[in-house]
Amino acid sequence: MKIRVMGLLAATLVAFAIPALAEKTVGEHVDDGAIAADVKAKLLEAKGVPSNDVNVEVYKGVVLLSGFVTDDAAKAAAEAAAKKAKNVVKVHDAITVHPKTTMGEKIDDTALVAKVKAALIDAKHVDAGAINCEARDGIMQLGGFVSGQKEKDNAIAVAKGVKGVKRVDDALYIKP
């Protein structure tokens, strides 16, 4: 009986997982991973790019850059570096320019990110696992690839509704 239940549970999990994975082939997953690694390497090599502050996500060759940098030169250098990576179809630069923050602000921002992430997890029609949250001085940036405009709008509305969020920067990109 126990084996039957476990088998049924496994079959159910596979049945629900296959449609989610069907958006990309195994080859596309591998290719996107290689592109992301190449972009990250290019960011590390680039002068004036705080590579730890730039998030890189790739979906079917489209590179999404998000995060916070302190000046326009760093933003431009990050985009230029990403475009040098192999097999990049397009670069969507959603990096926000914002001055450095104090240690106290960083602690507050960490707590704010946790509150927004929790709200996204609780939200309907939002894949919280696909959305990256970053904050600087109460400015929340949502980044990642989403399935459609409704999910994007819902995620932004949820983040705006969290106490302490001063502004939401949209770095969400609808999957091609």
N, C-alpha and C. Protein backbone atom coordinates (compact mmCIF):
# COMPACT_ATOMS: atom_id res chain seq x y z
N MET A 1 0.83 -1.20 0.00
CA MET A 1 0.00 0.00 0.00
C MET A 1 0.87 1.26 0.00
N LYS A 2 1.90 1.25 0.83
CA LYS A 2 2.79 2.39 0.95
C LYS A 2 3.49 2.67 -0.39
N ILE A 3 3.89 1.61 -1.09
CA ILE A 3 4.57 1.76 -2.38
C ILE A 3 3.61 2.35 -3.41
N ARG A 4 2.36 1.92 -3.40
CA ARG A 4 1.34 2.45 -4.32
C ARG A 4 1.14 3.95 -4.11
N VAL A 5 1.03 4.35 -2.86
CA VAL A 5 0.83 5.76 -2.53
C VAL A 5 2.02 6.58 -3.00
N MET A 6 3.23 6.09 -2.73
CA MET A 6 4.43 6.80 -3.16
C MET A 6 4.50 6.88 -4.68
N GLY A 7 4.13 5.80 -5.35
CA GLY A 7 4.13 5.80 -6.82
C GLY A 7 3.12 6.78 -7.37
N LEU A 8 1.95 6.82 -6.77
CA LEU A 8 0.91 7.76 -7.20
C LEU A 8 1.36 9.20 -6.95
N LEU A 9 1.99 9.45 -5.82
CA LEU A 9 2.51 10.78 -5.51
C LEU A 9 3.58 11.20 -6.52
N ALA A 10 4.48 10.29 -6.84
CA ALA A 10 5.55 10.59 -7.81
C ALA A 10 4.95 10.88 -9.19
N ALA A 11 3.99 10.09 -9.61
CA ALA A 11 3.35 10.30 -10.91
C ALA A 11 2.63 11.65 -10.96
N THR A 12 2.00 12.02 -9.86
CA THR A 12 1.31 13.31 -9.80
C THR A 12 2.29 14.46 -9.91
N LEU A 13 3.41 14.35 -9.18
CA LEU A 13 4.43 15.40 -9.25
C LEU A 13 4.99 15.54 -10.65
N VAL A 14 5.25 14.43 -11.31
CA VAL A 14 5.77 14.47 -12.68
C VAL A 14 4.74 15.09 -13.62
N ALA A 15 3.48 14.74 -13.45
CA ALA A 15 2.43 15.27 -14.31
C ALA A 15 2.31 16.79 -14.20
N PHE A 16 2.54 17.32 -13.01
CA PHE A 16 2.47 18.76 -12.83
C PHE A 16 3.78 19.45 -13.24
N ALA A 17 4.88 18.77 -13.12
CA ALA A 17 6.18 19.37 -13.45
C ALA A 17 6.43 19.44 -14.95
N ILE A 18 5.97 18.47 -15.71
CA ILE A 18 6.26 18.44 -17.15
C ILE A 18 5.77 19.67 -17.88
N PRO A 19 4.53 20.15 -17.69
CA PRO A 19 4.12 21.36 -18.41
C PRO A 19 4.97 22.57 -18.05
N ALA A 20 5.40 22.67 -16.80
CA ALA A 20 6.23 23.81 -16.40
C ALA A 20 7.58 23.76 -17.09
N LEU A 21 8.12 22.58 -17.26
CA LEU A 21 9.42 22.44 -17.90
C LEU A 21 9.32 22.48 -19.41
N ALA A 22 8.13 22.30 -19.96
CA ALA A 22 7.96 22.24 -21.40
C ALA A 22 8.21 23.57 -22.10
N GLU A 23 8.23 24.67 -21.35
CA GLU A 23 8.48 25.97 -21.96
C GLU A 23 9.84 26.03 -22.61
N LYS A 24 10.80 25.30 -22.06
CA LYS A 24 12.16 25.27 -22.59
C LYS A 24 12.61 23.82 -22.73
N THR A 25 13.32 23.54 -23.80
CA THR A 25 13.87 22.20 -23.97
C THR A 25 15.10 22.05 -23.07
N VAL A 26 15.57 20.84 -22.92
CA VAL A 26 16.77 20.59 -22.14
C VAL A 26 17.94 21.37 -22.74
N GLY A 27 18.02 21.36 -24.05
CA GLY A 27 19.08 22.10 -24.73
C GLY A 27 19.03 23.58 -24.44
N GLU A 28 17.82 24.14 -24.40
CA GLU A 28 17.68 25.57 -24.10
C GLU A 28 18.09 25.87 -22.66
N HIS A 29 17.78 24.96 -21.73
CA HIS A 29 18.22 25.14 -20.35
C HIS A 29 19.74 25.18 -20.27
N VAL A 30 20.38 24.24 -20.97
CA VAL A 30 21.84 24.16 -20.98
C VAL A 30 22.42 25.40 -21.65
N ASP A 31 21.86 25.78 -22.81
CA ASP A 31 22.35 26.95 -23.53
C ASP A 31 22.22 28.21 -22.68
N ASP A 32 21.07 28.39 -22.05
CA ASP A 32 20.86 29.57 -21.21
C ASP A 32 21.83 29.60 -20.04
N GLY A 33 22.12 28.45 -19.47
CA GLY A 33 23.08 28.38 -18.38
C GLY A 33 24.48 28.77 -18.85
N ALA A 34 24.85 28.32 -20.03
CA ALA A 34 26.16 28.66 -20.59
C ALA A 34 26.23 30.15 -20.91
N ILE A 35 25.15 30.70 -21.45
CA ILE A 35 25.11 32.14 -21.75
C ILE A 35 25.24 32.94 -20.45
N ALA A 36 24.49 32.55 -19.43
CA ALA A 36 24.53 33.26 -18.15
C ALA A 36 25.95 33.22 -17.57
N ALA A 37 26.60 32.08 -17.64
CA ALA A 37 27.97 31.96 -17.13
C ALA A 37 28.92 32.86 -17.91
N ASP A 38 28.75 32.91 -19.23
CA ASP A 38 29.60 33.75 -20.07
C ASP A 38 29.36 35.24 -19.76
N VAL A 39 28.10 35.62 -19.58
CA VAL A 39 27.79 37.02 -19.25
C VAL A 39 28.42 37.38 -17.90
N LYS A 40 28.30 36.50 -16.91
CA LYS A 40 28.87 36.78 -15.59
C LYS A 40 30.39 36.92 -15.67
N ALA A 41 31.01 36.08 -16.50
CA ALA A 41 32.46 36.18 -16.69
C ALA A 41 32.82 37.52 -17.33
N LYS A 42 32.04 37.94 -18.32
CA LYS A 42 32.30 39.23 -18.99
C LYS A 42 32.12 40.39 -18.00
N LEU A 43 31.15 40.28 -17.10
CA LEU A 43 30.94 41.32 -16.08
C LEU A 43 32.12 41.39 -15.13
N LEU A 44 32.66 40.24 -14.77
CA LEU A 44 33.82 40.21 -13.88
C LEU A 44 35.05 40.85 -14.54
N GLU A 45 35.18 40.65 -15.85
CA GLU A 45 36.32 41.20 -16.59
C GLU A 45 36.20 42.70 -16.85
N ALA A 46 34.97 43.19 -16.92
CA ALA A 46 34.73 44.59 -17.30
C ALA A 46 35.18 45.54 -16.19
N LYS A 47 35.80 46.64 -16.61
CA LYS A 47 36.23 47.66 -15.66
C LYS A 47 35.02 48.51 -15.25
N GLY A 48 34.96 48.82 -13.96
CA GLY A 48 33.92 49.71 -13.47
C GLY A 48 32.56 49.07 -13.26
N VAL A 49 32.50 47.75 -13.37
CA VAL A 49 31.22 47.06 -13.17
C VAL A 49 31.26 46.31 -11.83
N PRO A 50 30.38 46.70 -10.91
CA PRO A 50 30.31 45.95 -9.65
C PRO A 50 29.51 44.66 -9.88
N SER A 51 30.19 43.64 -10.38
CA SER A 51 29.51 42.43 -10.85
C SER A 51 28.65 41.76 -9.77
N ASN A 52 28.99 41.93 -8.51
CA ASN A 52 28.17 41.35 -7.45
C ASN A 52 26.82 42.04 -7.31
N ASP A 53 26.71 43.24 -7.83
CA ASP A 53 25.46 44.01 -7.73
C ASP A 53 24.57 43.86 -8.96
N VAL A 54 25.03 43.13 -9.95
CA VAL A 54 24.27 42.96 -11.19
C VAL A 54 23.77 41.51 -11.26
N ASN A 55 22.45 41.37 -11.38
CA ASN A 55 21.84 40.06 -11.52
C ASN A 55 21.72 39.72 -13.00
N VAL A 56 22.00 38.48 -13.34
CA VAL A 56 21.92 38.02 -14.73
C VAL A 56 20.96 36.85 -14.80
N GLU A 57 19.96 36.98 -15.66
CA GLU A 57 19.04 35.89 -15.93
C GLU A 57 18.93 35.75 -17.42
N VAL A 58 18.75 34.52 -17.89
CA VAL A 58 18.68 34.26 -19.32
C VAL A 58 17.50 33.35 -19.61
N TYR A 59 16.75 33.69 -20.65
CA TYR A 59 15.64 32.86 -21.10
C TYR A 59 15.66 32.83 -22.62
N LYS A 60 15.94 31.66 -23.16
CA LYS A 60 16.02 31.45 -24.61
C LYS A 60 16.94 32.47 -25.28
N GLY A 61 18.07 32.72 -24.67
CA GLY A 61 19.07 33.61 -25.24
C GLY A 61 18.90 35.08 -24.94
N VAL A 62 17.76 35.45 -24.34
CA VAL A 62 17.53 36.85 -23.95
C VAL A 62 18.12 37.05 -22.56
N VAL A 63 19.02 38.01 -22.45
CA VAL A 63 19.69 38.29 -21.19
C VAL A 63 18.99 39.45 -20.49
N LEU A 64 18.64 39.26 -19.23
CA LEU A 64 18.03 40.29 -18.40
C LEU A 64 19.04 40.69 -17.33
N LEU A 65 19.43 41.95 -17.35
CA LEU A 65 20.32 42.50 -16.32
C LEU A 65 19.47 43.31 -15.37
N SER A 66 19.62 43.08 -14.08
CA SER A 66 18.90 43.87 -13.08
C SER A 66 19.84 44.09 -11.90
N GLY A 67 19.37 44.83 -10.93
CA GLY A 67 20.17 45.15 -9.76
C GLY A 67 20.40 46.65 -9.67
N PHE A 68 21.30 47.04 -8.78
CA PHE A 68 21.57 48.46 -8.54
C PHE A 68 23.06 48.73 -8.71
N VAL A 69 23.40 49.80 -9.42
CA VAL A 69 24.78 50.27 -9.52
C VAL A 69 24.78 51.75 -9.15
N THR A 70 25.96 52.30 -8.88
CA THR A 70 26.01 53.67 -8.36
C THR A 70 26.10 54.76 -9.42
N ASP A 71 26.37 54.39 -10.68
CA ASP A 71 26.43 55.45 -11.70
C ASP A 71 26.11 54.92 -13.09
N ASP A 72 25.83 55.85 -14.01
CA ASP A 72 25.46 55.50 -15.38
C ASP A 72 26.59 54.79 -16.11
N ALA A 73 27.83 55.12 -15.80
CA ALA A 73 28.96 54.48 -16.46
C ALA A 73 29.00 52.98 -16.16
N ALA A 74 28.72 52.60 -14.92
CA ALA A 74 28.70 51.19 -14.53
C ALA A 74 27.55 50.47 -15.23
N LYS A 75 26.42 51.12 -15.34
CA LYS A 75 25.26 50.54 -16.03
C LYS A 75 25.60 50.29 -17.49
N ALA A 76 26.17 51.28 -18.15
CA ALA A 76 26.53 51.15 -19.57
C ALA A 76 27.60 50.07 -19.77
N ALA A 77 28.57 50.02 -18.87
CA ALA A 77 29.63 49.01 -18.97
C ALA A 77 29.07 47.60 -18.80
N ALA A 78 28.11 47.44 -17.91
CA ALA A 78 27.50 46.13 -17.69
C ALA A 78 26.75 45.68 -18.95
N GLU A 79 26.00 46.58 -19.55
CA GLU A 79 25.27 46.22 -20.78
C GLU A 79 26.23 45.88 -21.90
N ALA A 80 27.28 46.67 -22.06
CA ALA A 80 28.27 46.42 -23.11
C ALA A 80 28.95 45.07 -22.90
N ALA A 81 29.28 44.74 -21.66
CA ALA A 81 29.92 43.46 -21.36
C ALA A 81 28.98 42.30 -21.69
N ALA A 82 27.71 42.43 -21.34
CA ALA A 82 26.74 41.36 -21.61
C ALA A 82 26.58 41.12 -23.10
N LYS A 83 26.62 42.17 -23.88
CA LYS A 83 26.48 42.03 -25.33
C LYS A 83 27.66 41.30 -25.96
N LYS A 84 28.79 41.23 -25.28
CA LYS A 84 29.97 40.55 -25.80
C LYS A 84 29.92 39.04 -25.60
N ALA A 85 29.00 38.57 -24.78
CA ALA A 85 28.91 37.13 -24.50
C ALA A 85 28.39 36.39 -25.73
N LYS A 86 28.78 35.14 -25.83
CA LYS A 86 28.39 34.30 -26.98
C LYS A 86 26.92 33.92 -26.91
N ASN A 87 26.29 33.85 -28.07
CA ASN A 87 24.92 33.35 -28.26
C ASN A 87 23.84 34.20 -27.60
N VAL A 88 24.15 35.45 -27.31
CA VAL A 88 23.14 36.36 -26.74
C VAL A 88 22.24 36.85 -27.86
N VAL A 89 20.94 36.64 -27.71
CA VAL A 89 19.96 37.08 -28.70
C VAL A 89 19.67 38.56 -28.52
N LYS A 90 19.51 38.96 -27.25
CA LYS A 90 19.14 40.34 -26.92
C LYS A 90 19.53 40.59 -25.47
N VAL A 91 19.86 41.85 -25.15
CA VAL A 91 20.12 42.23 -23.77
C VAL A 91 19.06 43.24 -23.34
N HIS A 92 18.37 42.92 -22.27
CA HIS A 92 17.39 43.85 -21.68
C HIS A 92 18.02 44.39 -20.40
N ASP A 93 18.43 45.66 -20.42
CA ASP A 93 19.11 46.28 -19.29
C ASP A 93 18.09 46.98 -18.40
N ALA A 94 17.83 46.38 -17.25
CA ALA A 94 16.90 46.95 -16.28
C ALA A 94 17.62 47.33 -15.00
N ILE A 95 18.91 47.60 -15.09
CA ILE A 95 19.70 48.00 -13.93
C ILE A 95 19.27 49.40 -13.50
N THR A 96 19.15 49.61 -12.20
CA THR A 96 18.79 50.91 -11.65
C THR A 96 20.03 51.59 -11.09
N VAL A 97 20.16 52.88 -11.37
CA VAL A 97 21.26 53.67 -10.81
C VAL A 97 20.78 54.28 -9.50
N HIS A 98 21.53 54.01 -8.43
CA HIS A 98 21.17 54.50 -7.10
C HIS A 98 22.44 54.64 -6.28
N PRO A 99 22.57 55.72 -5.50
CA PRO A 99 23.79 55.88 -4.69
C PRO A 99 23.94 54.77 -3.65
N LYS A 100 25.16 54.63 -3.15
CA LYS A 100 25.42 53.62 -2.10
C LYS A 100 24.55 53.90 -0.89
N THR A 101 24.29 52.85 -0.15
CA THR A 101 23.47 52.98 1.06
C THR A 101 24.33 52.67 2.29
N THR A 102 23.83 53.11 3.43
CA THR A 102 24.54 52.87 4.69
C THR A 102 24.25 51.44 5.17
N MET A 103 24.99 51.01 6.17
CA MET A 103 24.77 49.68 6.73
C MET A 103 23.36 49.56 7.31
N GLY A 104 22.90 50.60 7.97
CA GLY A 104 21.53 50.59 8.52
C GLY A 104 20.49 50.45 7.43
N GLU A 105 20.68 51.17 6.33
CA GLU A 105 19.74 51.07 5.20
C GLU A 105 19.78 49.67 4.58
N LYS A 106 20.96 49.07 4.53
CA LYS A 106 21.08 47.72 3.98
C LYS A 106 20.31 46.72 4.84
N ILE A 107 20.37 46.89 6.14
CA ILE A 107 19.63 46.00 7.04
C ILE A 107 18.13 46.18 6.84
N ASP A 108 17.70 47.44 6.76
CA ASP A 108 16.28 47.71 6.52
C ASP A 108 15.83 47.14 5.17
N ASP A 109 16.68 47.28 4.15
CA ASP A 109 16.35 46.77 2.82
C ASP A 109 16.26 45.25 2.81
N THR A 110 17.10 44.59 3.57
CA THR A 110 17.06 43.13 3.66
C THR A 110 15.73 42.68 4.25
N ALA A 111 15.28 43.35 5.29
CA ALA A 111 13.99 43.02 5.90
C ALA A 111 12.85 43.31 4.92
N LEU A 112 12.96 44.41 4.17
CA LEU A 112 11.93 44.76 3.20
C LEU A 112 11.85 43.72 2.09
N VAL A 113 12.98 43.26 1.61
CA VAL A 113 13.00 42.22 0.58
C VAL A 113 12.30 40.97 1.09
N ALA A 114 12.55 40.60 2.33
CA ALA A 114 11.91 39.42 2.91
C ALA A 114 10.39 39.59 2.97
N LYS A 115 9.93 40.78 3.34
CA LYS A 115 8.48 41.03 3.40
C LYS A 115 7.85 40.98 2.01
N VAL A 116 8.52 41.56 1.02
CA VAL A 116 7.98 41.54 -0.34
C VAL A 116 7.99 40.12 -0.89
N LYS A 117 9.07 39.39 -0.68
CA LYS A 117 9.14 38.01 -1.17
C LYS A 117 8.03 37.16 -0.55
N ALA A 118 7.79 37.34 0.75
CA ALA A 118 6.71 36.60 1.42
C ALA A 118 5.36 36.97 0.84
N ALA A 119 5.15 38.24 0.54
CA ALA A 119 3.88 38.68 -0.05
C ALA A 119 3.71 38.09 -1.45
N LEU A 120 4.79 38.01 -2.21
CA LEU A 120 4.72 37.42 -3.55
C LEU A 120 4.41 35.93 -3.49
N ILE A 121 4.98 35.25 -2.49
CA ILE A 121 4.70 33.82 -2.32
C ILE A 121 3.23 33.60 -2.02
N ASP A 122 2.64 34.48 -1.23
CA ASP A 122 1.22 34.36 -0.87
C ASP A 122 0.28 34.81 -1.98
N ALA A 123 0.79 35.55 -2.95
CA ALA A 123 -0.07 36.13 -4.00
C ALA A 123 -0.53 35.08 -4.99
N LYS A 124 -1.73 35.30 -5.50
CA LYS A 124 -2.27 34.44 -6.55
C LYS A 124 -1.76 34.93 -7.90
N HIS A 125 -1.57 33.99 -8.81
CA HIS A 125 -1.17 34.29 -10.18
C HIS A 125 0.21 34.94 -10.27
N VAL A 126 1.09 34.61 -9.31
CA VAL A 126 2.46 35.12 -9.32
C VAL A 126 3.38 33.95 -9.02
N ASP A 127 4.37 33.72 -9.88
CA ASP A 127 5.39 32.70 -9.64
C ASP A 127 6.54 33.37 -8.90
N ALA A 128 6.44 33.39 -7.57
CA ALA A 128 7.42 34.10 -6.74
C ALA A 128 8.83 33.56 -6.94
N GLY A 129 8.95 32.29 -7.27
CA GLY A 129 10.26 31.70 -7.48
C GLY A 129 10.98 32.24 -8.71
N ALA A 130 10.24 32.82 -9.63
CA ALA A 130 10.83 33.36 -10.86
C ALA A 130 11.14 34.85 -10.74
N ILE A 131 10.83 35.44 -9.59
CA ILE A 131 10.99 36.89 -9.42
C ILE A 131 12.08 37.18 -8.40
N ASN A 132 13.06 37.95 -8.84
CA ASN A 132 14.15 38.37 -7.97
C ASN A 132 13.78 39.72 -7.35
N CYS A 133 13.98 39.85 -6.06
CA CYS A 133 13.70 41.10 -5.34
C CYS A 133 14.99 41.70 -4.83
N GLU A 134 15.20 42.97 -5.12
CA GLU A 134 16.35 43.74 -4.62
C GLU A 134 15.80 45.05 -4.08
N ALA A 135 16.45 45.60 -3.07
CA ALA A 135 16.00 46.89 -2.54
C ALA A 135 17.19 47.78 -2.21
N ARG A 136 16.99 49.07 -2.42
CA ARG A 136 17.96 50.10 -2.04
C ARG A 136 17.18 51.27 -1.49
N ASP A 137 17.38 51.53 -0.21
CA ASP A 137 16.75 52.69 0.44
C ASP A 137 15.24 52.71 0.22
N GLY A 138 14.61 51.55 0.33
CA GLY A 138 13.16 51.45 0.20
C GLY A 138 12.65 51.34 -1.22
N ILE A 139 13.54 51.43 -2.20
CA ILE A 139 13.15 51.26 -3.60
C ILE A 139 13.26 49.78 -3.91
N MET A 140 12.15 49.16 -4.27
CA MET A 140 12.11 47.73 -4.54
C MET A 140 12.21 47.50 -6.04
N GLN A 141 13.12 46.62 -6.42
CA GLN A 141 13.23 46.25 -7.84
C GLN A 141 12.82 44.79 -7.96
N LEU A 142 11.87 44.54 -8.87
CA LEU A 142 11.45 43.18 -9.16
C LEU A 142 12.04 42.82 -10.52
N GLY A 143 12.77 41.73 -10.59
CA GLY A 143 13.39 41.31 -11.83
C GLY A 143 13.13 39.85 -12.10
N GLY A 144 13.17 39.49 -13.38
CA GLY A 144 13.01 38.09 -13.77
C GLY A 144 12.10 37.97 -14.97
N PHE A 145 11.94 36.75 -15.42
CA PHE A 145 11.08 36.46 -16.57
C PHE A 145 9.74 35.96 -16.06
N VAL A 146 8.66 36.59 -16.53
CA VAL A 146 7.31 36.21 -16.12
C VAL A 146 6.53 35.75 -17.35
N SER A 147 5.43 35.04 -17.11
CA SER A 147 4.69 34.42 -18.21
C SER A 147 3.79 35.37 -18.97
N GLY A 148 3.42 36.51 -18.39
CA GLY A 148 2.54 37.42 -19.10
C GLY A 148 2.33 38.73 -18.35
N GLN A 149 1.60 39.62 -19.00
CA GLN A 149 1.35 40.95 -18.44
C GLN A 149 0.58 40.88 -17.12
N LYS A 150 -0.36 39.93 -17.02
CA LYS A 150 -1.15 39.81 -15.79
C LYS A 150 -0.26 39.47 -14.60
N GLU A 151 0.66 38.52 -14.80
CA GLU A 151 1.57 38.15 -13.71
C GLU A 151 2.46 39.34 -13.34
N LYS A 152 2.94 40.05 -14.35
CA LYS A 152 3.79 41.22 -14.12
C LYS A 152 3.04 42.27 -13.31
N ASP A 153 1.82 42.59 -13.74
CA ASP A 153 1.01 43.60 -13.05
C ASP A 153 0.70 43.18 -11.61
N ASN A 154 0.37 41.89 -11.42
CA ASN A 154 0.06 41.39 -10.08
C ASN A 154 1.27 41.51 -9.16
N ALA A 155 2.44 41.12 -9.66
CA ALA A 155 3.65 41.17 -8.84
C ALA A 155 3.97 42.61 -8.43
N ILE A 156 3.87 43.54 -9.36
CA ILE A 156 4.15 44.94 -9.06
C ILE A 156 3.14 45.48 -8.04
N ALA A 157 1.87 45.14 -8.21
CA ALA A 157 0.83 45.60 -7.27
C ALA A 157 1.08 45.05 -5.87
N VAL A 158 1.47 43.78 -5.79
CA VAL A 158 1.75 43.17 -4.49
C VAL A 158 2.91 43.90 -3.81
N ALA A 159 3.98 44.14 -4.55
CA ALA A 159 5.16 44.81 -3.97
C ALA A 159 4.81 46.23 -3.52
N LYS A 160 4.03 46.95 -4.32
CA LYS A 160 3.63 48.31 -3.95
C LYS A 160 2.80 48.32 -2.67
N GLY A 161 2.10 47.24 -2.40
CA GLY A 161 1.24 47.17 -1.23
C GLY A 161 1.96 46.83 0.07
N VAL A 162 3.23 46.54 0.00
CA VAL A 162 3.99 46.18 1.21
C VAL A 162 4.46 47.46 1.91
N LYS A 163 4.17 47.53 3.21
CA LYS A 163 4.56 48.70 3.99
C LYS A 163 6.08 48.87 3.98
N GLY A 164 6.52 50.08 3.70
CA GLY A 164 7.95 50.38 3.66
C GLY A 164 8.50 50.52 2.25
N VAL A 165 7.75 50.04 1.26
CA VAL A 165 8.19 50.16 -0.13
C VAL A 165 7.87 51.57 -0.60
N LYS A 166 8.91 52.32 -0.96
CA LYS A 166 8.73 53.70 -1.44
C LYS A 166 8.37 53.75 -2.91
N ARG A 167 8.96 52.82 -3.67
CA ARG A 167 8.76 52.80 -5.13
C ARG A 167 9.10 51.39 -5.61
N VAL A 168 8.47 50.97 -6.70
CA VAL A 168 8.80 49.69 -7.31
C VAL A 168 9.37 49.95 -8.70
N ASP A 169 10.59 49.47 -8.92
CA ASP A 169 11.20 49.54 -10.25
C ASP A 169 10.92 48.21 -10.95
N ASP A 170 10.38 48.31 -12.14
CA ASP A 170 9.99 47.15 -12.92
C ASP A 170 11.15 46.66 -13.77
N ALA A 171 11.74 45.54 -13.36
CA ALA A 171 12.77 44.89 -14.16
C ALA A 171 12.27 43.50 -14.58
N LEU A 172 10.95 43.37 -14.65
CA LEU A 172 10.35 42.10 -15.08
C LEU A 172 10.24 42.10 -16.60
N TYR A 173 10.46 40.96 -17.19
CA TYR A 173 10.46 40.83 -18.64
C TYR A 173 9.54 39.67 -19.00
N ILE A 174 8.60 39.94 -19.89
CA ILE A 174 7.67 38.88 -20.31
C ILE A 174 8.41 37.92 -21.23
N LYS A 175 8.30 36.63 -20.93
CA LYS A 175 9.01 35.61 -21.71
C LYS A 175 8.68 35.73 -23.19
N PRO A 176 9.73 35.66 -24.01
CA PRO A 176 9.49 35.73 -25.46
C PRO A 176 8.84 34.48 -25.99
